[in-house]
């Protein structure tokens, strides 16, 4: 490395500090982790002779192209690639490096098509709840609490992951969404109702199990789903995602926690379309049109089911 050559990580702390007040601390922490991961990638690419510099102020087209090729070789999905490019671009711009913007004028960057919104069937949801009720230990207790709260509230994964213990009010049947999407810019915390009494016993059970677990270890935590092994006290998004992945594998149902948001919506509205306004309020959408589009996107994955055997009226005879 030349005397004036700087490592990729050289500006991360300054970059994160410059964004304080504009983004949530959890978002900044996550961006910092990703950038440090990028630093490892660029360091490896430099050692392999695939790039000429890892200095964020000096990176050019060869470095960006190598990073894109690395992501493709690793099989990283297009949506994640696009997100990583955005994070990298913001970091390079902080060093007055506009290379990615310049390249976008003549090269094609990862651009994901709109993903269909997934909705689970009742049978799949039942299998998930059957599975978490058989899971043992503290991991099982947290699994029950997490999926029950997701189904009860239709809250986003991050809103559940960062929830505090005081946010769950089982006596009044409500949950305070402390960290909503867009907090600090266009959204603020608010209470939502618990809307699935059928799974509420699992929340009562989790509250008891949480209290016993922490007391036995002489510990306290402000978080509803504490990560006792981490100084911050809460799970990182990756660790939280891995917990759900474990449940998915055991239940043999391919799902992510965010699928409960669309699934709950579909299960209610498919039974009674007049519930659209109520579900819109539960989802905290800004207007009913957003909910209508959301529901339409969910239904796009169930066209064959909706059409049933109506095709027979226009059947082609072979």
Protein backbone atom coordinates (compact mmCIF):
# COMPACT_ATOMS: atom_id res chain seq x y z
CA UNK A 1 0.00 0.00 0.00
CA UNK A 2 1.41 3.40 -1.01
CA UNK A 3 2.23 5.99 1.64
CA UNK A 4 -0.82 8.09 0.73
CA UNK A 5 -3.03 5.05 0.25
CA UNK A 6 -5.79 4.76 2.83
CA UNK A 7 -7.67 1.59 3.82
CA UNK A 8 -11.34 1.30 2.95
CA UNK A 9 -12.39 1.61 6.61
CA UNK A 10 -10.58 4.92 7.15
CA UNK A 11 -13.68 7.14 7.00
CA UNK A 12 -16.36 4.87 8.45
CA UNK A 13 -16.44 6.46 11.91
CA UNK A 14 -16.52 9.99 10.47
CA UNK A 15 -19.17 8.97 7.96
CA UNK A 16 -21.42 7.48 10.65
CA UNK A 17 -20.92 10.49 12.95
CA UNK A 18 -21.89 12.83 10.11
CA UNK A 19 -25.24 11.05 9.76
CA UNK A 20 -26.23 11.11 13.43
CA UNK A 21 -29.54 12.89 13.83
CA UNK A 22 -30.67 12.02 10.32
CA UNK A 23 -31.02 8.27 10.86
CA UNK A 24 -31.87 6.01 13.78
CA UNK A 25 -28.92 4.70 15.75
CA UNK A 26 -29.86 1.13 14.85
CA UNK A 27 -29.72 2.05 11.14
CA UNK A 28 -26.33 3.69 11.57
CA UNK A 29 -24.99 0.70 13.49
CA UNK A 30 -26.19 -1.61 10.74
CA UNK A 31 -24.60 0.55 8.03
CA UNK A 32 -21.34 0.59 9.98
CA UNK A 33 -21.34 -3.21 10.17
CA UNK A 34 -21.99 -3.53 6.44
CA UNK A 35 -19.27 -1.05 5.54
CA UNK A 36 -16.75 -2.88 7.71
CA UNK A 37 -17.78 -6.07 5.92
CA UNK A 38 -17.21 -4.29 2.59
CA UNK A 39 -13.77 -3.34 3.90
CA UNK A 40 -12.93 -7.01 4.36
CA UNK A 41 -14.14 -7.75 0.84
CA UNK A 42 -12.08 -4.98 -0.76
CA UNK A 43 -9.05 -6.00 1.31
CA UNK A 44 -9.34 -9.55 -0.01
CA UNK A 45 -9.83 -8.31 -3.59
CA UNK A 46 -6.70 -6.17 -3.23
CA UNK A 47 -4.64 -9.11 -1.98
CA UNK A 48 -5.91 -11.20 -4.89
CA UNK A 49 -4.78 -8.51 -7.32
CA UNK A 50 -8.30 -7.89 -8.58
CA UNK A 51 -8.33 -4.17 -7.65
CA UNK A 52 -5.69 -1.48 -7.55
CA UNK A 53 -6.88 0.42 -4.49
CA UNK A 54 -9.24 0.19 -1.56
CA UNK A 55 -9.01 3.90 -0.74
CA UNK A 56 -12.62 5.21 -0.85
CA UNK A 57 -11.42 8.49 -2.37
CA UNK A 58 -9.54 6.77 -5.20
CA UNK A 59 -11.76 3.85 -6.18
CA UNK A 60 -12.65 3.74 -9.83
CA UNK A 61 -14.54 1.56 -12.29
CA UNK A 62 -12.26 -1.49 -11.83
CA UNK A 63 -12.91 -1.55 -8.08
CA UNK A 64 -16.68 -1.17 -8.47
CA UNK A 65 -16.80 -3.81 -11.20
CA UNK A 66 -14.83 -6.23 -9.02
CA UNK A 67 -17.25 -5.63 -6.13
CA UNK A 68 -20.25 -6.32 -8.39
CA UNK A 69 -18.60 -9.48 -9.72
CA UNK A 70 -17.88 -10.62 -6.16
CA UNK A 71 -21.57 -10.28 -5.23
CA UNK A 72 -22.68 -12.18 -8.33
CA UNK A 73 -20.18 -14.97 -7.66
CA UNK A 74 -21.48 -15.27 -4.09
CA UNK A 75 -25.03 -15.64 -5.34
CA UNK A 76 -26.26 -12.56 -3.46
CA UNK A 77 -29.80 -11.77 -4.61
CA UNK A 78 -30.33 -8.74 -6.82
CA UNK A 79 -32.28 -6.77 -4.23
CA UNK A 80 -29.44 -7.11 -1.71
CA UNK A 81 -26.87 -6.24 -4.37
CA UNK A 82 -28.78 -3.05 -5.14
CA UNK A 83 -28.91 -2.16 -1.46
CA UNK A 84 -25.19 -2.78 -1.01
CA UNK A 85 -24.37 -0.59 -4.01
CA UNK A 86 -26.44 2.22 -2.48
CA UNK A 87 -24.62 1.93 0.86
CA UNK A 88 -21.25 1.85 -0.89
CA UNK A 89 -22.13 4.83 -3.07
CA UNK A 90 -23.14 6.95 -0.07
CA UNK A 91 -19.84 6.12 1.62
CA UNK A 92 -17.78 6.96 -1.47
CA UNK A 93 -19.65 10.25 -1.98
CA UNK A 94 -18.65 11.18 1.57
CA UNK A 95 -15.05 11.02 0.24
CA UNK A 96 -16.06 13.14 -2.79
CA UNK A 97 -15.91 10.09 -5.03
CA UNK A 98 -18.75 10.09 -7.57
CA UNK A 99 -17.59 7.03 -9.52
CA UNK A 100 -20.78 4.99 -9.09
CA UNK A 101 -22.98 7.88 -10.29
CA UNK A 102 -20.71 8.29 -13.32
CA UNK A 103 -20.78 4.58 -14.09
CA UNK A 104 -24.56 4.41 -13.91
CA UNK A 105 -24.73 6.57 -17.01
CA UNK A 106 -23.18 3.87 -19.19
CA UNK A 107 -23.41 0.60 -17.24
CA UNK A 108 -26.22 -1.51 -15.88
CA UNK A 109 -26.26 -1.90 -12.10
CA UNK A 110 -28.34 -4.41 -10.11
CA UNK A 111 -31.94 -3.26 -10.27
CA UNK A 112 -34.45 -5.69 -8.72
CA UNK A 113 -37.91 -6.08 -10.12
CA UNK A 114 -40.74 -5.68 -7.68
CA UNK A 115 -40.98 -8.81 -5.58
CA UNK A 116 -44.42 -10.38 -5.20
CA UNK A 117 -45.70 -10.12 -1.66
CA UNK A 118 -45.84 -13.53 -0.06
CA UNK A 119 -48.81 -14.73 1.94
CA UNK A 120 -48.84 -17.96 3.92
CA UNK A 121 -51.74 -20.37 3.95
CA UNK A 122 -53.63 -21.19 7.13
CA UNK A 123 -52.04 -24.65 7.11
CA UNK A 124 -48.55 -23.12 6.91
CA UNK A 125 -49.27 -20.74 9.76
CA UNK A 126 -50.60 -23.66 11.82
CA UNK A 127 -47.40 -25.63 11.19
CA UNK A 128 -45.30 -22.68 12.34
CA UNK A 129 -47.26 -22.35 15.59
CA UNK A 130 -47.23 -26.11 16.12
CA UNK A 131 -43.45 -26.03 15.72
CA UNK A 132 -42.68 -23.19 18.12
CA UNK A 133 -44.80 -24.85 20.80
CA UNK A 134 -42.48 -27.87 20.71
CA UNK A 135 -39.23 -25.87 20.85
CA UNK A 136 -37.31 -26.14 24.11
CA UNK A 137 -35.41 -23.73 26.31
CA UNK A 138 -34.92 -20.00 26.00
CA UNK A 139 -34.69 -20.19 22.19
CA UNK A 140 -38.10 -21.85 22.13
CA UNK A 141 -39.58 -19.27 24.49
CA UNK A 142 -38.37 -16.41 22.30
CA UNK A 143 -39.57 -18.17 19.14
CA UNK A 144 -43.09 -18.43 20.58
CA UNK A 145 -43.12 -14.80 21.66
CA UNK A 146 -41.79 -13.48 18.37
CA UNK A 147 -44.15 -15.28 16.01
CA UNK A 148 -47.15 -14.67 18.27
CA UNK A 149 -46.44 -10.93 18.44
CA UNK A 150 -45.92 -10.74 14.67
CA UNK A 151 -49.25 -12.45 14.03
CA UNK A 152 -51.04 -10.40 16.71
CA UNK A 153 -49.84 -6.99 15.54
CA UNK A 154 -48.80 -7.24 11.85
CA UNK A 155 -45.75 -5.24 12.91
CA UNK A 156 -42.55 -5.17 10.89
CA UNK A 157 -39.60 -7.37 11.96
CA UNK A 158 -37.49 -4.41 13.12
CA UNK A 159 -40.42 -3.08 15.16
CA UNK A 160 -40.57 -6.38 17.00
CA UNK A 161 -36.81 -6.86 17.27
CA UNK A 162 -36.30 -3.47 18.93
CA UNK A 163 -39.42 -3.51 21.09
CA UNK A 164 -39.06 -2.84 24.80
CA UNK A 165 -40.74 -4.94 27.47
CA UNK A 166 -42.98 -2.04 28.47
CA UNK A 167 -44.31 -1.82 24.90
CA UNK A 168 -46.41 -4.97 25.32
CA UNK A 169 -49.57 -4.27 27.30
CA UNK A 170 -51.38 -7.59 27.46
CA UNK A 171 -53.90 -6.37 30.04
CA UNK A 172 -55.22 -3.76 27.61
CA UNK A 173 -54.53 -5.84 24.53
CA UNK A 174 -52.16 -3.44 22.79
CA UNK A 175 -48.57 -2.98 21.62
CA UNK A 176 -46.57 0.23 21.30
CA UNK A 177 -44.63 0.39 18.03
CA UNK A 178 -41.63 2.32 19.33
CA UNK A 179 -39.44 2.16 16.24
CA UNK A 180 -41.72 2.44 13.19
CA UNK A 181 -40.44 2.66 9.65
CA UNK A 182 -39.53 6.30 9.00
CA UNK A 183 -39.14 7.21 12.66
CA UNK A 184 -37.74 10.70 13.02
CA UNK A 185 -38.64 11.74 9.50
CA UNK A 186 -42.27 10.95 8.74
CA UNK A 187 -43.43 8.57 11.47
CA UNK A 188 -43.57 8.38 15.23
CA UNK A 189 -44.35 5.66 17.74
CA UNK A 190 -47.96 4.64 18.28
CA UNK A 191 -50.12 2.01 19.93
CA UNK A 192 -51.72 -0.76 17.87
CA UNK A 193 -54.18 -3.39 19.01
CA UNK A 194 -53.50 -7.07 19.52
CA UNK A 195 -55.86 -8.64 16.99
CA UNK A 196 -55.42 -12.43 17.33
CA UNK A 197 -56.79 -13.70 20.67
CA UNK A 198 -56.24 -17.26 19.43
CA UNK A 199 -52.44 -16.96 19.83
CA UNK A 200 -52.40 -14.56 22.81
CA UNK A 201 -51.80 -17.34 25.36
CA UNK A 202 -48.33 -17.70 23.83
CA UNK A 203 -47.58 -14.06 24.63
CA UNK A 204 -48.68 -14.49 28.24
CA UNK A 205 -46.51 -17.61 28.39
CA UNK A 206 -43.51 -15.76 26.94
CA UNK A 207 -43.80 -12.89 29.41
CA UNK A 208 -43.64 -15.41 32.27
CA UNK A 209 -40.76 -17.34 30.68
CA UNK A 210 -38.82 -14.13 30.07
CA UNK A 211 -39.17 -13.05 33.69
CA UNK A 212 -38.05 -16.45 34.99
CA UNK A 213 -35.10 -16.65 32.57
CA UNK A 214 -33.71 -13.21 33.45
CA UNK A 215 -34.31 -13.61 37.20
CA UNK A 216 -32.47 -16.94 37.24
CA UNK A 217 -29.42 -15.19 35.81
CA UNK A 218 -29.69 -12.08 37.96
CA UNK A 219 -30.18 -9.98 34.84
CA UNK A 220 -32.52 -7.26 33.64
CA UNK A 221 -33.21 -5.94 30.17
CA UNK A 222 -35.37 -3.21 28.74
CA UNK A 223 -35.88 -5.20 25.55
CA UNK A 224 -38.84 -7.49 25.05
CA UNK A 225 -36.64 -9.99 23.21
CA UNK A 226 -33.26 -9.46 24.86
CA UNK A 227 -30.00 -10.74 23.47
CA UNK A 228 -28.12 -11.37 26.71
CA UNK A 229 -24.87 -12.04 24.84
CA UNK A 230 -24.69 -8.64 23.20
CA UNK A 231 -23.74 -5.36 24.94
CA UNK A 232 -26.48 -3.45 23.12
CA UNK A 233 -29.02 -5.84 24.60
CA UNK A 234 -30.96 -6.47 21.40
CA UNK A 235 -30.50 -8.76 18.39
CA UNK A 236 -28.86 -7.51 15.22
CA UNK A 237 -31.06 -7.80 12.14
CA UNK A 238 -28.98 -10.75 10.89
CA UNK A 239 -29.15 -12.61 14.20
CA UNK A 240 -32.90 -12.00 14.41
CA UNK A 241 -33.31 -13.22 10.84
CA UNK A 242 -31.34 -16.36 11.72
CA UNK A 243 -33.73 -17.08 14.61
CA UNK A 244 -36.64 -17.02 12.18
CA UNK A 245 -34.64 -19.16 9.76
CA UNK A 246 -34.29 -21.81 12.46
CA UNK A 247 -38.06 -21.86 12.96
CA UNK A 248 -38.60 -22.02 9.19
CA UNK A 249 -36.30 -25.03 8.90
CA UNK A 250 -37.95 -26.90 11.79
CA UNK A 251 -41.47 -26.18 10.54
CA UNK A 252 -40.52 -26.94 6.93
CA UNK A 253 -42.24 -23.72 5.89
CA UNK A 254 -40.30 -21.20 3.82
CA UNK A 255 -41.13 -17.88 5.45
CA UNK A 256 -39.69 -14.68 6.88
CA UNK A 257 -41.17 -12.73 9.77
CA UNK A 258 -42.42 -9.97 7.47
CA UNK A 259 -44.68 -12.54 5.80
CA UNK A 260 -46.96 -12.38 8.86
CA UNK A 261 -47.80 -8.80 7.89
CA UNK A 262 -49.15 -9.80 4.50
CA UNK A 263 -50.55 -13.11 5.75
CA UNK A 264 -52.58 -11.49 8.52
CA UNK A 265 -53.90 -8.93 6.06
CA UNK A 266 -54.92 -11.61 3.57
CA UNK A 267 -56.56 -13.88 6.14
CA UNK A 268 -58.79 -11.09 7.44
CA UNK A 269 -59.72 -9.37 4.17
CA UNK A 270 -60.26 -12.59 2.21
CA UNK A 271 -62.97 -13.44 4.74
CA UNK A 272 -64.54 -9.96 4.85
CA UNK A 273 -63.62 -7.17 2.41
CA UNK A 274 -65.25 -4.59 4.69
CA UNK A 275 -62.33 -5.04 7.09
CA UNK A 276 -60.03 -3.14 4.73
CA UNK A 277 -60.23 0.11 6.73
CA UNK A 278 -59.55 -1.64 10.02
CA UNK A 279 -56.56 -3.51 8.59
CA UNK A 280 -55.25 -0.29 7.04
CA UNK A 281 -55.23 1.28 10.51
CA UNK A 282 -53.47 -1.78 11.95
CA UNK A 283 -50.81 -1.65 9.22
CA UNK A 284 -50.44 2.10 9.89
CA UNK A 285 -50.72 2.95 6.21
CA UNK A 286 -51.03 6.65 5.42
CA UNK A 287 -54.16 6.11 3.31
CA UNK A 288 -56.54 3.36 2.30
CA UNK A 289 -55.13 3.36 -1.24
CA UNK A 290 -51.82 2.06 0.06
CA UNK A 291 -53.60 -0.85 1.73
CA UNK A 292 -55.62 -1.58 -1.40
CA UNK A 293 -52.42 -1.76 -3.46
CA UNK A 294 -50.78 -3.88 -0.77
CA UNK A 295 -53.69 -6.32 -0.79
CA UNK A 296 -53.74 -6.39 -4.61
CA UNK A 297 -50.04 -7.32 -4.61
CA UNK A 298 -50.74 -10.12 -2.14
CA UNK A 299 -53.57 -11.43 -4.28
CA UNK A 300 -51.39 -11.42 -7.40
CA UNK A 301 -49.75 -14.54 -6.00
CA UNK A 302 -53.11 -16.31 -5.64
CA UNK A 303 -54.68 -15.73 -9.05
CA UNK A 304 -55.10 -19.43 -9.85
CA UNK A 305 -56.82 -20.04 -6.51
CA UNK A 306 -59.13 -17.07 -7.04
CA UNK A 307 -60.09 -18.12 -10.56
CA UNK A 308 -60.75 -21.69 -9.50
CA UNK A 309 -62.51 -23.67 -12.23
CA UNK A 310 -64.02 -20.62 -13.94
CA UNK A 311 -61.80 -21.43 -16.94
CA UNK A 312 -64.19 -24.26 -17.78
CA UNK A 313 -66.70 -21.75 -19.17
CA UNK A 314 -64.25 -20.95 -21.96
CA UNK A 315 -62.52 -24.31 -22.19
CA UNK A 316 -60.51 -25.20 -25.30
CA UNK A 317 -61.23 -28.76 -26.50
CA UNK A 318 -58.22 -30.72 -27.67
